[in-house]
Amino acid sequence: QEISNICWAYAKTESTSHPQLFQSLADYILSRDNLYKFYPQELVNTAWSFEKVGHYHPGLFDRIAHAILARNRGLDDFKPQELSNVLLAFAKSDHPCPPIFRK
């Protein structure tokens, strides 16, 4: 949750002046290989944050999509607002994720 909160808080400042920060955050998240432990809101906040600051990391978005679809209830675990926010983050980042959009 802490990593997701850091991403979200920084993105809320609407600053794009530190792309190396988001690169480091993405590398850290991917190295931990624990996105499956994130709650739906944390997955949403992470995707939204990266899109908001304009730091598109295809590997991270792929892993977020996989973590979403691997959940016990898949997209049904997400509240409508969470679902719309994560789908918007994928769409605005122009990251293809057909399995999510087909569900």
N, C-alpha and C. Protein backbone atom coordinates (compact mmCIF):
# COMPACT_ATOMS: atom_id res chain seq x y z
N GLN A 1 0.82 -1.19 0.00
CA GLN A 1 0.00 0.00 0.00
C GLN A 1 0.87 1.26 0.00
N GLU A 2 1.99 1.22 0.65
CA GLU A 2 2.83 2.41 0.74
C GLU A 2 3.31 2.87 -0.63
N ILE A 3 3.71 1.94 -1.46
CA ILE A 3 4.19 2.29 -2.80
C ILE A 3 3.06 2.92 -3.61
N SER A 4 1.90 2.32 -3.54
CA SER A 4 0.74 2.87 -4.26
C SER A 4 0.43 4.28 -3.77
N ASN A 5 0.53 4.50 -2.47
CA ASN A 5 0.26 5.83 -1.91
C ASN A 5 1.30 6.85 -2.35
N ILE A 6 2.56 6.44 -2.43
CA ILE A 6 3.61 7.34 -2.91
C ILE A 6 3.33 7.75 -4.35
N CYS A 7 3.00 6.77 -5.18
CA CYS A 7 2.69 7.07 -6.59
C CYS A 7 1.52 8.04 -6.69
N TRP A 8 0.46 7.74 -5.95
CA TRP A 8 -0.74 8.57 -6.00
C TRP A 8 -0.46 9.99 -5.51
N ALA A 9 0.23 10.11 -4.37
CA ALA A 9 0.50 11.43 -3.81
C ALA A 9 1.34 12.28 -4.75
N TYR A 10 2.34 11.68 -5.34
CA TYR A 10 3.18 12.44 -6.26
C TYR A 10 2.38 12.85 -7.50
N ALA A 11 1.57 11.95 -8.02
CA ALA A 11 0.77 12.27 -9.21
C ALA A 11 -0.23 13.39 -8.92
N LYS A 12 -0.75 13.44 -7.70
CA LYS A 12 -1.70 14.49 -7.34
C LYS A 12 -1.06 15.88 -7.38
N THR A 13 0.26 15.96 -7.25
CA THR A 13 0.92 17.26 -7.32
C THR A 13 0.97 17.78 -8.75
N GLU A 14 0.64 16.91 -9.69
CA GLU A 14 0.62 17.22 -11.13
C GLU A 14 1.99 17.67 -11.62
N SER A 15 3.02 17.13 -11.02
CA SER A 15 4.38 17.42 -11.45
C SER A 15 4.89 16.28 -12.32
N THR A 16 5.57 16.62 -13.37
CA THR A 16 6.16 15.59 -14.23
C THR A 16 7.67 15.78 -14.29
N SER A 17 8.22 16.45 -13.29
CA SER A 17 9.63 16.83 -13.35
C SER A 17 10.60 15.74 -12.89
N HIS A 18 10.09 14.61 -12.43
CA HIS A 18 10.98 13.56 -11.93
C HIS A 18 10.66 12.20 -12.54
N PRO A 19 10.88 12.05 -13.82
CA PRO A 19 10.57 10.75 -14.43
C PRO A 19 11.40 9.62 -13.85
N GLN A 20 12.61 9.93 -13.36
CA GLN A 20 13.45 8.88 -12.78
C GLN A 20 12.83 8.31 -11.51
N LEU A 21 12.04 9.13 -10.79
CA LEU A 21 11.35 8.63 -9.61
C LEU A 21 10.36 7.54 -10.00
N PHE A 22 9.55 7.81 -11.03
CA PHE A 22 8.56 6.82 -11.45
C PHE A 22 9.22 5.60 -12.09
N GLN A 23 10.34 5.80 -12.76
CA GLN A 23 11.08 4.66 -13.29
C GLN A 23 11.57 3.78 -12.14
N SER A 24 12.08 4.40 -11.11
CA SER A 24 12.55 3.66 -9.94
C SER A 24 11.40 2.95 -9.22
N LEU A 25 10.27 3.64 -9.11
CA LEU A 25 9.11 3.01 -8.48
C LEU A 25 8.64 1.80 -9.29
N ALA A 26 8.60 1.94 -10.61
CA ALA A 26 8.18 0.82 -11.46
C ALA A 26 9.16 -0.34 -11.33
N ASP A 27 10.44 -0.04 -11.37
CA ASP A 27 11.45 -1.09 -11.22
C ASP A 27 11.31 -1.80 -9.88
N TYR A 28 11.06 -1.03 -8.84
CA TYR A 28 10.89 -1.62 -7.51
C TYR A 28 9.66 -2.52 -7.46
N ILE A 29 8.55 -2.01 -7.96
CA ILE A 29 7.30 -2.79 -7.95
C ILE A 29 7.50 -4.09 -8.71
N LEU A 30 8.12 -4.01 -9.87
CA LEU A 30 8.31 -5.21 -10.69
C LEU A 30 9.29 -6.18 -10.03
N SER A 31 10.29 -5.66 -9.35
CA SER A 31 11.27 -6.53 -8.71
C SER A 31 10.67 -7.30 -7.52
N ARG A 32 9.68 -6.71 -6.91
CA ARG A 32 9.04 -7.36 -5.75
C ARG A 32 8.07 -8.45 -6.17
N ASP A 33 7.56 -8.37 -7.38
CA ASP A 33 6.63 -9.36 -7.92
C ASP A 33 5.50 -9.67 -6.93
N ASN A 34 4.88 -8.61 -6.42
CA ASN A 34 3.82 -8.83 -5.44
C ASN A 34 2.54 -8.06 -5.77
N LEU A 35 2.35 -7.71 -7.01
CA LEU A 35 1.13 -6.97 -7.37
C LEU A 35 -0.13 -7.78 -7.06
N TYR A 36 0.01 -9.10 -7.02
CA TYR A 36 -1.15 -9.93 -6.69
C TYR A 36 -1.63 -9.68 -5.25
N LYS A 37 -0.80 -9.09 -4.42
CA LYS A 37 -1.17 -8.76 -3.05
C LYS A 37 -1.85 -7.39 -2.93
N PHE A 38 -1.79 -6.60 -3.98
CA PHE A 38 -2.39 -5.26 -3.95
C PHE A 38 -3.91 -5.39 -3.92
N TYR A 39 -4.53 -4.52 -3.15
CA TYR A 39 -5.99 -4.42 -3.17
C TYR A 39 -6.40 -3.72 -4.47
N PRO A 40 -7.66 -3.88 -4.89
CA PRO A 40 -8.09 -3.22 -6.13
C PRO A 40 -7.76 -1.73 -6.17
N GLN A 41 -8.03 -1.00 -5.08
CA GLN A 41 -7.76 0.43 -5.09
C GLN A 41 -6.28 0.73 -5.27
N GLU A 42 -5.42 -0.11 -4.76
CA GLU A 42 -3.97 0.09 -4.90
C GLU A 42 -3.53 -0.14 -6.35
N LEU A 43 -4.11 -1.13 -7.00
CA LEU A 43 -3.80 -1.36 -8.42
C LEU A 43 -4.26 -0.17 -9.25
N VAL A 44 -5.46 0.30 -8.95
CA VAL A 44 -6.03 1.45 -9.66
C VAL A 44 -5.16 2.68 -9.45
N ASN A 45 -4.81 2.96 -8.20
CA ASN A 45 -4.00 4.15 -7.90
C ASN A 45 -2.66 4.10 -8.61
N THR A 46 -2.06 2.92 -8.66
CA THR A 46 -0.76 2.79 -9.31
C THR A 46 -0.87 3.07 -10.80
N ALA A 47 -1.83 2.43 -11.46
CA ALA A 47 -2.02 2.66 -12.90
C ALA A 47 -2.36 4.11 -13.18
N TRP A 48 -3.29 4.66 -12.40
CA TRP A 48 -3.71 6.05 -12.59
C TRP A 48 -2.53 7.00 -12.43
N SER A 49 -1.72 6.76 -11.41
CA SER A 49 -0.59 7.64 -11.11
C SER A 49 0.42 7.67 -12.25
N PHE A 50 0.76 6.51 -12.77
CA PHE A 50 1.72 6.46 -13.87
C PHE A 50 1.17 7.16 -15.11
N GLU A 51 -0.11 6.96 -15.38
CA GLU A 51 -0.72 7.64 -16.53
C GLU A 51 -0.76 9.15 -16.29
N LYS A 52 -1.10 9.57 -15.09
CA LYS A 52 -1.27 10.98 -14.77
C LYS A 52 0.03 11.76 -14.96
N VAL A 53 1.16 11.17 -14.57
CA VAL A 53 2.43 11.89 -14.73
C VAL A 53 3.05 11.65 -16.10
N GLY A 54 2.41 10.83 -16.91
CA GLY A 54 2.91 10.59 -18.27
C GLY A 54 4.09 9.65 -18.33
N HIS A 55 4.24 8.81 -17.31
CA HIS A 55 5.35 7.84 -17.33
C HIS A 55 4.77 6.48 -17.71
N TYR A 56 4.89 6.15 -18.97
CA TYR A 56 4.30 4.90 -19.45
C TYR A 56 5.35 3.80 -19.38
N HIS A 57 5.04 2.81 -18.58
CA HIS A 57 5.95 1.69 -18.36
C HIS A 57 5.18 0.43 -18.78
N PRO A 58 5.37 -0.02 -20.02
CA PRO A 58 4.60 -1.16 -20.52
C PRO A 58 4.69 -2.40 -19.63
N GLY A 59 5.87 -2.68 -19.10
CA GLY A 59 6.00 -3.86 -18.24
C GLY A 59 5.15 -3.78 -17.00
N LEU A 60 5.08 -2.59 -16.40
CA LEU A 60 4.26 -2.41 -15.21
C LEU A 60 2.78 -2.53 -15.56
N PHE A 61 2.37 -1.91 -16.65
CA PHE A 61 0.96 -2.00 -17.05
C PHE A 61 0.57 -3.44 -17.37
N ASP A 62 1.48 -4.19 -17.99
CA ASP A 62 1.21 -5.61 -18.25
C ASP A 62 0.99 -6.36 -16.94
N ARG A 63 1.85 -6.10 -15.97
CA ARG A 63 1.74 -6.80 -14.68
C ARG A 63 0.47 -6.38 -13.92
N ILE A 64 0.12 -5.10 -14.01
CA ILE A 64 -1.12 -4.66 -13.37
C ILE A 64 -2.31 -5.37 -14.00
N ALA A 65 -2.34 -5.44 -15.31
CA ALA A 65 -3.43 -6.13 -15.99
C ALA A 65 -3.50 -7.59 -15.57
N HIS A 66 -2.35 -8.24 -15.50
CA HIS A 66 -2.31 -9.64 -15.08
C HIS A 66 -2.82 -9.79 -13.65
N ALA A 67 -2.41 -8.89 -12.77
CA ALA A 67 -2.84 -8.95 -11.37
C ALA A 67 -4.35 -8.75 -11.25
N ILE A 68 -4.90 -7.88 -12.08
CA ILE A 68 -6.35 -7.65 -12.06
C ILE A 68 -7.08 -8.90 -12.50
N LEU A 69 -6.66 -9.47 -13.61
CA LEU A 69 -7.36 -10.64 -14.16
C LEU A 69 -7.13 -11.90 -13.33
N ALA A 70 -6.04 -11.95 -12.56
CA ALA A 70 -5.73 -13.13 -11.75
C ALA A 70 -6.47 -13.13 -10.41
N ARG A 71 -7.14 -12.04 -10.08
CA ARG A 71 -7.86 -11.99 -8.81
C ARG A 71 -8.97 -13.04 -8.81
N ASN A 72 -9.37 -13.48 -7.63
CA ASN A 72 -10.39 -14.53 -7.52
C ASN A 72 -11.65 -14.20 -8.30
N ARG A 73 -12.08 -12.97 -8.20
CA ARG A 73 -13.31 -12.56 -8.87
C ARG A 73 -13.03 -11.67 -10.07
N GLY A 74 -11.77 -11.52 -10.44
CA GLY A 74 -11.42 -10.71 -11.60
C GLY A 74 -11.91 -9.29 -11.47
N LEU A 75 -12.55 -8.81 -12.50
CA LEU A 75 -13.04 -7.43 -12.50
C LEU A 75 -14.19 -7.23 -11.51
N ASP A 76 -14.83 -8.32 -11.09
CA ASP A 76 -15.92 -8.18 -10.12
C ASP A 76 -15.43 -7.74 -8.75
N ASP A 77 -14.12 -7.82 -8.50
CA ASP A 77 -13.55 -7.33 -7.24
C ASP A 77 -13.53 -5.80 -7.18
N PHE A 78 -13.75 -5.15 -8.31
CA PHE A 78 -13.60 -3.71 -8.40
C PHE A 78 -14.94 -3.00 -8.32
N LYS A 79 -14.94 -1.90 -7.58
CA LYS A 79 -16.11 -1.03 -7.56
C LYS A 79 -16.20 -0.35 -8.92
N PRO A 80 -17.39 0.12 -9.31
CA PRO A 80 -17.52 0.77 -10.62
C PRO A 80 -16.53 1.91 -10.84
N GLN A 81 -16.32 2.76 -9.83
CA GLN A 81 -15.39 3.88 -9.98
C GLN A 81 -13.96 3.38 -10.16
N GLU A 82 -13.58 2.35 -9.43
CA GLU A 82 -12.23 1.77 -9.57
C GLU A 82 -12.04 1.20 -10.97
N LEU A 83 -13.05 0.51 -11.43
CA LEU A 83 -12.99 -0.09 -12.76
C LEU A 83 -12.87 0.98 -13.85
N SER A 84 -13.66 2.01 -13.74
CA SER A 84 -13.58 3.06 -14.75
C SER A 84 -12.23 3.77 -14.70
N ASN A 85 -11.69 3.98 -13.50
CA ASN A 85 -10.39 4.65 -13.39
C ASN A 85 -9.26 3.82 -13.97
N VAL A 86 -9.26 2.52 -13.71
CA VAL A 86 -8.17 1.69 -14.23
C VAL A 86 -8.29 1.55 -15.74
N LEU A 87 -9.50 1.42 -16.25
CA LEU A 87 -9.68 1.33 -17.70
C LEU A 87 -9.28 2.63 -18.38
N LEU A 88 -9.61 3.75 -17.75
CA LEU A 88 -9.21 5.05 -18.29
C LEU A 88 -7.70 5.19 -18.29
N ALA A 89 -7.03 4.74 -17.24
CA ALA A 89 -5.57 4.81 -17.18
C ALA A 89 -4.95 4.01 -18.31
N PHE A 90 -5.46 2.82 -18.58
CA PHE A 90 -4.94 2.01 -19.67
C PHE A 90 -5.21 2.68 -21.02
N ALA A 91 -6.42 3.20 -21.18
CA ALA A 91 -6.77 3.82 -22.45
C ALA A 91 -5.95 5.09 -22.70
N LYS A 92 -5.81 5.94 -21.69
CA LYS A 92 -5.08 7.19 -21.86
C LYS A 92 -3.58 6.97 -22.04
N SER A 93 -3.08 5.86 -21.51
CA SER A 93 -1.66 5.56 -21.69
C SER A 93 -1.43 4.85 -23.01
N ASP A 94 -2.53 4.57 -23.71
CA ASP A 94 -2.47 3.89 -25.01
C ASP A 94 -1.80 2.52 -24.87
N HIS A 95 -2.05 1.89 -23.73
CA HIS A 95 -1.47 0.58 -23.49
C HIS A 95 -2.52 -0.48 -23.85
N PRO A 96 -2.19 -1.33 -24.81
CA PRO A 96 -3.17 -2.35 -25.22
C PRO A 96 -3.32 -3.43 -24.14
N CYS A 97 -4.53 -3.68 -23.79
CA CYS A 97 -4.80 -4.78 -22.85
C CYS A 97 -6.14 -5.39 -23.19
N PRO A 98 -6.20 -6.05 -24.33
CA PRO A 98 -7.47 -6.62 -24.78
C PRO A 98 -8.20 -7.49 -23.76
N PRO A 99 -7.51 -8.33 -22.95
CA PRO A 99 -8.29 -9.15 -22.01
C PRO A 99 -9.12 -8.33 -21.03
N ILE A 100 -8.61 -7.22 -20.57
CA ILE A 100 -9.39 -6.39 -19.65
C ILE A 100 -10.58 -5.77 -20.37
N PHE A 101 -10.35 -5.26 -21.57
CA PHE A 101 -11.42 -4.59 -22.30
C PHE A 101 -12.48 -5.57 -22.81
N ARG A 102 -12.15 -6.83 -22.92
CA ARG A 102 -13.13 -7.83 -23.35
C ARG A 102 -14.03 -8.26 -22.22
N LYS A 103 -13.56 -8.13 -20.99
CA LYS A 103 -14.35 -8.59 -19.84
C LYS A 103 -15.50 -7.63 -19.65
